[in-house]
């Protein structure tokens, strides 16, 4: 009679162990899925930022070629990324660049000026 009680205890212990294991594994999988989504969002935001940087660089090239350049250049595509930039009319010139990537958008602006015939680009700043 004692043997059947021990077999029952082993079965109950095994079921409890399997239940706990299933809960732990499910929680780990849920965390992995959540972290993967968050990392993907960060990466896509970074791609949008790089697209906005491309817009600033393009605008700086335009100003180097033509110091009187002003206006807006829209929807330049670089693969899945796009950027749009605007250069102000007045001096010091302000460059506003907007980058997008799969629904993520970033905005960078920078002021530039000419000093002794050389283009001076101030540090870039991101607008939130």
N, C-alpha and C. Protein backbone atom coordinates (compact mmCIF):
# COMPACT_ATOMS: atom_id res chain seq x y z
N UNK A 1 0.81 -1.19 0.00
CA UNK A 1 0.00 0.00 0.00
C UNK A 1 0.86 1.26 0.00
N UNK A 2 1.99 1.19 0.62
CA UNK A 2 2.88 2.32 0.69
C UNK A 2 3.46 2.65 -0.67
N UNK A 3 3.69 1.63 -1.51
CA UNK A 3 4.25 1.85 -2.84
C UNK A 3 3.34 2.69 -3.73
N UNK A 4 2.05 2.46 -3.73
CA UNK A 4 1.12 3.22 -4.57
C UNK A 4 1.05 4.67 -4.11
N UNK A 5 1.20 4.95 -2.85
CA UNK A 5 1.22 6.32 -2.34
C UNK A 5 2.46 7.04 -2.84
N UNK A 6 3.60 6.37 -2.85
CA UNK A 6 4.84 6.97 -3.35
C UNK A 6 4.73 7.25 -4.84
N UNK A 7 4.13 6.33 -5.60
CA UNK A 7 3.96 6.56 -7.04
C UNK A 7 3.06 7.77 -7.27
N UNK A 8 2.02 7.92 -6.47
CA UNK A 8 1.12 9.07 -6.60
C UNK A 8 1.83 10.37 -6.29
N UNK A 9 2.69 10.35 -5.26
CA UNK A 9 3.46 11.54 -4.89
C UNK A 9 4.44 11.93 -6.00
N UNK A 10 5.06 10.96 -6.61
CA UNK A 10 5.99 11.23 -7.71
C UNK A 10 5.24 11.84 -8.89
N UNK A 11 4.06 11.33 -9.19
CA UNK A 11 3.26 11.84 -10.30
C UNK A 11 2.83 13.29 -10.02
N UNK A 12 2.39 13.57 -8.82
CA UNK A 12 1.98 14.93 -8.46
C UNK A 12 3.17 15.88 -8.52
N UNK A 13 4.31 15.43 -8.01
CA UNK A 13 5.53 16.25 -8.05
C UNK A 13 5.93 16.53 -9.49
N UNK A 14 5.86 15.53 -10.34
CA UNK A 14 6.20 15.70 -11.75
C UNK A 14 5.25 16.69 -12.43
N UNK A 15 3.96 16.59 -12.15
CA UNK A 15 2.98 17.51 -12.75
C UNK A 15 3.25 18.95 -12.29
N UNK A 16 3.53 19.14 -11.01
CA UNK A 16 3.83 20.47 -10.48
C UNK A 16 5.10 21.02 -11.12
N UNK A 17 6.13 20.19 -11.23
CA UNK A 17 7.38 20.61 -11.85
C UNK A 17 7.15 21.03 -13.30
N UNK A 18 6.36 20.26 -14.05
CA UNK A 18 6.08 20.58 -15.45
C UNK A 18 5.27 21.88 -15.55
N UNK A 19 4.34 22.11 -14.63
CA UNK A 19 3.54 23.32 -14.63
C UNK A 19 4.42 24.55 -14.38
N UNK A 20 5.30 24.45 -13.40
CA UNK A 20 6.21 25.56 -13.10
C UNK A 20 7.14 25.80 -14.28
N UNK A 21 7.66 24.75 -14.88
CA UNK A 21 8.53 24.89 -16.04
C UNK A 21 7.82 25.57 -17.20
N UNK A 22 6.58 25.20 -17.43
CA UNK A 22 5.79 25.80 -18.50
C UNK A 22 5.58 27.30 -18.25
N UNK A 23 5.30 27.67 -17.02
CA UNK A 23 5.10 29.08 -16.68
C UNK A 23 6.39 29.87 -16.89
N UNK A 24 7.51 29.35 -16.44
CA UNK A 24 8.80 30.03 -16.58
C UNK A 24 9.16 30.19 -18.06
N UNK A 25 8.98 29.14 -18.84
CA UNK A 25 9.31 29.20 -20.26
C UNK A 25 8.40 30.19 -20.98
N UNK A 26 7.12 30.20 -20.64
CA UNK A 26 6.17 31.14 -21.26
C UNK A 26 6.55 32.58 -20.94
N UNK A 27 6.94 32.85 -19.70
CA UNK A 27 7.36 34.20 -19.31
C UNK A 27 8.62 34.61 -20.07
N UNK A 28 9.56 33.68 -20.22
CA UNK A 28 10.79 33.99 -20.95
C UNK A 28 10.50 34.30 -22.42
N UNK A 29 9.63 33.54 -23.03
CA UNK A 29 9.27 33.78 -24.43
C UNK A 29 8.57 35.13 -24.57
N UNK A 30 7.69 35.46 -23.64
CA UNK A 30 6.99 36.76 -23.68
C UNK A 30 8.00 37.91 -23.57
N UNK A 31 8.98 37.77 -22.70
CA UNK A 31 10.01 38.81 -22.56
C UNK A 31 10.84 38.94 -23.83
N UNK A 32 11.17 37.85 -24.45
CA UNK A 32 11.96 37.88 -25.69
C UNK A 32 11.18 38.59 -26.79
N UNK A 33 9.90 38.28 -26.90
CA UNK A 33 9.07 38.92 -27.93
C UNK A 33 8.96 40.42 -27.67
N UNK A 34 8.76 40.83 -26.42
CA UNK A 34 8.67 42.24 -26.07
C UNK A 34 9.97 42.97 -26.37
N UNK A 35 11.09 42.38 -25.97
CA UNK A 35 12.39 43.02 -26.21
C UNK A 35 12.71 43.11 -27.69
N UNK A 36 12.35 42.10 -28.46
CA UNK A 36 12.59 42.13 -29.90
C UNK A 36 11.81 43.28 -30.54
N UNK A 37 10.57 43.47 -30.13
CA UNK A 37 9.77 44.58 -30.66
C UNK A 37 10.36 45.93 -30.29
N UNK A 38 10.84 46.06 -29.06
CA UNK A 38 11.42 47.32 -28.62
C UNK A 38 12.71 47.62 -29.38
N UNK A 39 13.54 46.62 -29.55
CA UNK A 39 14.80 46.80 -30.26
C UNK A 39 14.53 47.15 -31.72
N UNK A 40 13.53 46.53 -32.31
CA UNK A 40 13.16 46.83 -33.68
C UNK A 40 12.73 48.29 -33.81
N UNK A 41 11.96 48.78 -32.85
CA UNK A 41 11.53 50.17 -32.86
C UNK A 41 12.70 51.13 -32.73
N UNK A 42 13.65 50.79 -31.88
CA UNK A 42 14.84 51.64 -31.71
C UNK A 42 15.63 51.68 -33.01
N UNK A 43 15.78 50.54 -33.64
CA UNK A 43 16.53 50.47 -34.90
C UNK A 43 15.83 51.28 -36.00
N UNK A 44 14.52 51.19 -36.07
CA UNK A 44 13.79 51.94 -37.08
C UNK A 44 13.86 53.45 -36.81
N UNK A 45 13.83 53.84 -35.56
CA UNK A 45 14.00 55.24 -35.20
C UNK A 45 15.39 55.74 -35.59
N UNK A 46 16.39 54.90 -35.40
CA UNK A 46 17.75 55.26 -35.78
C UNK A 46 17.87 55.41 -37.29
N UNK A 47 17.19 54.56 -38.05
CA UNK A 47 17.20 54.68 -39.51
C UNK A 47 16.55 55.99 -39.94
N UNK A 48 15.47 56.40 -39.27
CA UNK A 48 14.82 57.68 -39.59
C UNK A 48 15.76 58.84 -39.26
N UNK A 49 16.50 58.73 -38.16
CA UNK A 49 17.47 59.76 -37.79
C UNK A 49 18.57 59.87 -38.85
N UNK A 50 19.05 58.74 -39.31
CA UNK A 50 20.08 58.76 -40.35
C UNK A 50 19.57 59.36 -41.65
N UNK A 51 18.29 59.13 -41.96
CA UNK A 51 17.70 59.75 -43.14
C UNK A 51 17.66 61.27 -42.97
N UNK A 52 17.30 61.74 -41.77
CA UNK A 52 17.29 63.18 -41.51
C UNK A 52 18.71 63.76 -41.61
N UNK A 53 19.71 63.02 -41.13
CA UNK A 53 21.09 63.46 -41.29
C UNK A 53 21.48 63.57 -42.76
N UNK A 54 21.00 62.64 -43.57
CA UNK A 54 21.27 62.70 -45.00
C UNK A 54 20.70 63.98 -45.60
N UNK A 55 19.54 64.39 -45.12
CA UNK A 55 18.94 65.64 -45.59
C UNK A 55 19.79 66.84 -45.22
N UNK A 56 20.32 66.86 -44.00
CA UNK A 56 21.19 67.97 -43.59
C UNK A 56 22.45 67.99 -44.45
N UNK A 57 23.03 66.83 -44.67
CA UNK A 57 24.25 66.77 -45.48
C UNK A 57 23.99 67.24 -46.91
N UNK A 58 22.86 66.84 -47.46
CA UNK A 58 22.48 67.27 -48.81
C UNK A 58 22.30 68.78 -48.86
N UNK A 59 21.67 69.35 -47.84
CA UNK A 59 21.47 70.80 -47.79
C UNK A 59 22.81 71.53 -47.66
N UNK A 60 23.72 71.00 -46.87
CA UNK A 60 25.05 71.62 -46.72
C UNK A 60 25.78 71.61 -48.07
N UNK A 61 25.67 70.51 -48.80
CA UNK A 61 26.28 70.44 -50.13
C UNK A 61 25.68 71.51 -51.05
N UNK A 62 24.36 71.68 -50.98
CA UNK A 62 23.70 72.71 -51.80
C UNK A 62 24.24 74.10 -51.44
N UNK A 63 24.42 74.37 -50.14
CA UNK A 63 24.93 75.67 -49.72
C UNK A 63 26.39 75.87 -50.10
N UNK A 64 27.16 74.79 -50.12
CA UNK A 64 28.55 74.92 -50.57
C UNK A 64 28.62 75.24 -52.07
N UNK A 65 27.71 74.65 -52.84
CA UNK A 65 27.67 74.91 -54.28
C UNK A 65 27.10 76.29 -54.59
N UNK A 66 26.09 76.69 -53.83
CA UNK A 66 25.41 77.96 -54.07
C UNK A 66 25.06 78.60 -52.73
N UNK A 67 25.86 79.56 -52.27
CA UNK A 67 25.61 80.19 -50.95
C UNK A 67 24.26 80.87 -50.85
N UNK A 68 23.62 81.19 -51.96
CA UNK A 68 22.31 81.84 -51.93
C UNK A 68 21.15 80.86 -52.00
N UNK A 69 21.43 79.57 -51.95
CA UNK A 69 20.38 78.56 -52.06
C UNK A 69 19.39 78.68 -50.91
N UNK A 70 18.12 78.55 -51.23
CA UNK A 70 17.06 78.46 -50.22
C UNK A 70 15.90 77.72 -50.85
N UNK A 71 15.07 77.15 -50.02
CA UNK A 71 13.92 76.42 -50.52
C UNK A 71 13.77 75.07 -49.88
N UNK A 72 12.85 74.29 -50.46
CA UNK A 72 12.53 72.97 -49.91
C UNK A 72 12.75 71.91 -50.97
N UNK A 73 13.37 70.84 -50.56
CA UNK A 73 13.54 69.66 -51.41
C UNK A 73 12.79 68.53 -50.70
N UNK A 74 11.84 67.91 -51.41
CA UNK A 74 10.92 66.97 -50.75
C UNK A 74 11.09 65.53 -51.19
N UNK A 75 10.86 64.64 -50.24
CA UNK A 75 10.72 63.20 -50.46
C UNK A 75 11.83 62.58 -51.29
N UNK A 76 13.06 62.80 -50.87
CA UNK A 76 14.18 62.13 -51.49
C UNK A 76 14.24 60.73 -50.88
N UNK A 77 14.22 59.72 -51.72
CA UNK A 77 14.17 58.34 -51.25
C UNK A 77 15.56 57.73 -51.24
N UNK A 78 15.87 57.07 -50.14
CA UNK A 78 17.13 56.31 -50.02
C UNK A 78 16.75 54.91 -49.52
N UNK A 79 16.29 54.10 -50.43
CA UNK A 79 15.81 52.78 -50.04
C UNK A 79 14.46 52.91 -49.38
N UNK A 80 14.31 52.41 -48.17
CA UNK A 80 13.05 52.53 -47.44
C UNK A 80 12.93 53.85 -46.70
N UNK A 81 14.03 54.59 -46.63
CA UNK A 81 14.05 55.88 -45.94
C UNK A 81 13.72 57.01 -46.91
N UNK A 82 13.19 58.09 -46.34
CA UNK A 82 12.94 59.30 -47.12
C UNK A 82 13.35 60.50 -46.28
N UNK A 83 13.77 61.56 -46.97
CA UNK A 83 14.03 62.80 -46.24
C UNK A 83 13.57 63.99 -47.04
N UNK A 84 13.27 65.05 -46.30
CA UNK A 84 12.87 66.33 -46.85
C UNK A 84 13.64 67.39 -46.08
N UNK A 85 14.16 68.39 -46.79
CA UNK A 85 14.84 69.46 -46.07
C UNK A 85 14.43 70.81 -46.61
N UNK A 86 14.54 71.80 -45.73
CA UNK A 86 14.23 73.18 -46.07
C UNK A 86 15.39 74.05 -45.61
N UNK A 87 15.83 74.95 -46.50
CA UNK A 87 16.88 75.91 -46.17
C UNK A 87 16.22 77.29 -46.16
N UNK A 88 16.41 78.04 -45.07
CA UNK A 88 15.77 79.34 -44.94
C UNK A 88 16.37 80.36 -45.89
N UNK A 89 15.64 81.43 -46.11
CA UNK A 89 16.08 82.49 -47.01
C UNK A 89 17.07 83.41 -46.31
N UNK A 90 16.78 83.73 -45.05
CA UNK A 90 17.57 84.73 -44.33
C UNK A 90 18.88 84.15 -43.81
N UNK A 91 19.79 85.07 -43.47
CA UNK A 91 21.08 84.67 -42.92
C UNK A 91 21.06 84.98 -41.43
N UNK A 92 21.53 84.14 -40.54
CA UNK A 92 22.13 82.83 -40.78
C UNK A 92 21.08 81.84 -41.28
N UNK A 93 21.50 81.01 -42.19
CA UNK A 93 20.59 80.05 -42.80
C UNK A 93 20.32 78.91 -41.83
N UNK A 94 19.07 78.52 -41.79
CA UNK A 94 18.64 77.40 -40.95
C UNK A 94 18.24 76.25 -41.85
N UNK A 95 18.72 75.06 -41.53
CA UNK A 95 18.35 73.86 -42.27
C UNK A 95 17.45 73.02 -41.36
N UNK A 96 16.26 72.72 -41.85
CA UNK A 96 15.35 71.79 -41.17
C UNK A 96 15.26 70.54 -42.02
N UNK A 97 15.58 69.40 -41.44
CA UNK A 97 15.55 68.15 -42.19
C UNK A 97 14.67 67.14 -41.45
N UNK A 98 13.79 66.51 -42.21
CA UNK A 98 12.88 65.51 -41.66
C UNK A 98 13.16 64.17 -42.32
N UNK A 99 13.43 63.16 -41.52
CA UNK A 99 13.67 61.83 -42.04
C UNK A 99 12.57 60.89 -41.60
N UNK A 100 12.25 59.92 -42.45
CA UNK A 100 11.24 58.93 -42.08
C UNK A 100 11.69 57.55 -42.54
N UNK A 101 11.27 56.55 -41.76
CA UNK A 101 11.57 55.16 -42.07
C UNK A 101 10.47 54.30 -41.49
N UNK A 102 9.69 53.66 -42.35
CA UNK A 102 8.60 52.76 -41.94
C UNK A 102 7.71 53.36 -40.85
N UNK A 103 7.32 54.60 -41.02
CA UNK A 103 6.41 55.24 -40.08
C UNK A 103 7.10 55.99 -38.94
N UNK A 104 8.37 55.79 -38.74
CA UNK A 104 9.11 56.53 -37.72
C UNK A 104 9.61 57.83 -38.35
N UNK A 105 9.54 58.93 -37.60
CA UNK A 105 9.96 60.23 -38.12
C UNK A 105 10.91 60.90 -37.14
N UNK A 106 11.90 61.57 -37.70
CA UNK A 106 12.86 62.33 -36.88
C UNK A 106 13.09 63.68 -37.55
N UNK A 107 13.40 64.70 -36.75
CA UNK A 107 13.61 66.06 -37.23
C UNK A 107 14.93 66.58 -36.67
N UNK A 108 15.80 67.06 -37.57
CA UNK A 108 17.07 67.65 -37.18
C UNK A 108 17.11 69.07 -37.75
N UNK A 109 17.63 70.00 -36.98
CA UNK A 109 17.83 71.34 -37.51
C UNK A 109 19.23 71.82 -37.16
N UNK A 110 19.73 72.72 -38.00
CA UNK A 110 21.08 73.25 -37.82
C UNK A 110 21.11 74.65 -38.41
N UNK A 111 21.92 75.52 -37.82
CA UNK A 111 22.12 76.85 -38.38
C UNK A 111 23.51 76.91 -39.00
N UNK A 112 23.59 77.64 -40.10
CA UNK A 112 24.86 77.81 -40.80
C UNK A 112 25.08 79.29 -41.06
N UNK A 113 26.32 79.64 -41.26
CA UNK A 113 26.65 81.02 -41.62
C UNK A 113 27.96 81.01 -42.39
N UNK A 114 28.23 82.12 -43.02
CA UNK A 114 29.49 82.27 -43.74
C UNK A 114 30.39 83.19 -42.95
N UNK A 115 31.64 82.77 -42.78
CA UNK A 115 32.64 83.55 -42.08
C UNK A 115 33.87 83.59 -42.97
N UNK A 116 34.20 84.75 -43.47
CA UNK A 116 35.35 84.94 -44.38
C UNK A 116 35.25 84.01 -45.58
N UNK A 117 34.05 83.87 -46.11
CA UNK A 117 33.85 83.05 -47.30
C UNK A 117 33.79 81.55 -47.05
N UNK A 118 33.85 81.14 -45.80
CA UNK A 118 33.77 79.70 -45.48
C UNK A 118 32.44 79.41 -44.78
N UNK A 119 31.84 78.29 -45.15
CA UNK A 119 30.59 77.88 -44.55
C UNK A 119 30.86 77.30 -43.17
N UNK A 120 30.22 77.85 -42.17
CA UNK A 120 30.35 77.38 -40.79
C UNK A 120 29.04 76.67 -40.43
N UNK A 121 29.13 75.41 -40.08
CA UNK A 121 27.97 74.60 -39.71
C UNK A 121 28.00 74.39 -38.20
N UNK A 122 26.98 74.89 -37.53
CA UNK A 122 26.89 74.72 -36.09
C UNK A 122 26.47 73.29 -35.76
N UNK A 123 26.65 72.86 -34.51
CA UNK A 123 26.25 71.49 -34.15
C UNK A 123 24.78 71.23 -34.44
N UNK A 124 24.51 70.02 -34.91
CA UNK A 124 23.15 69.60 -35.25
C UNK A 124 22.38 69.36 -33.97
N UNK A 125 21.09 69.64 -34.02
CA UNK A 125 20.23 69.40 -32.88
C UNK A 125 18.99 68.69 -33.35
N UNK A 126 18.49 67.81 -32.51
CA UNK A 126 17.26 67.09 -32.85
C UNK A 126 16.10 67.76 -32.15
N UNK A 127 15.01 67.92 -32.88
CA UNK A 127 13.79 68.49 -32.32
C UNK A 127 12.81 67.36 -32.04
N UNK A 128 12.25 67.35 -30.85
CA UNK A 128 11.34 66.28 -30.47
C UNK A 128 9.90 66.74 -30.54
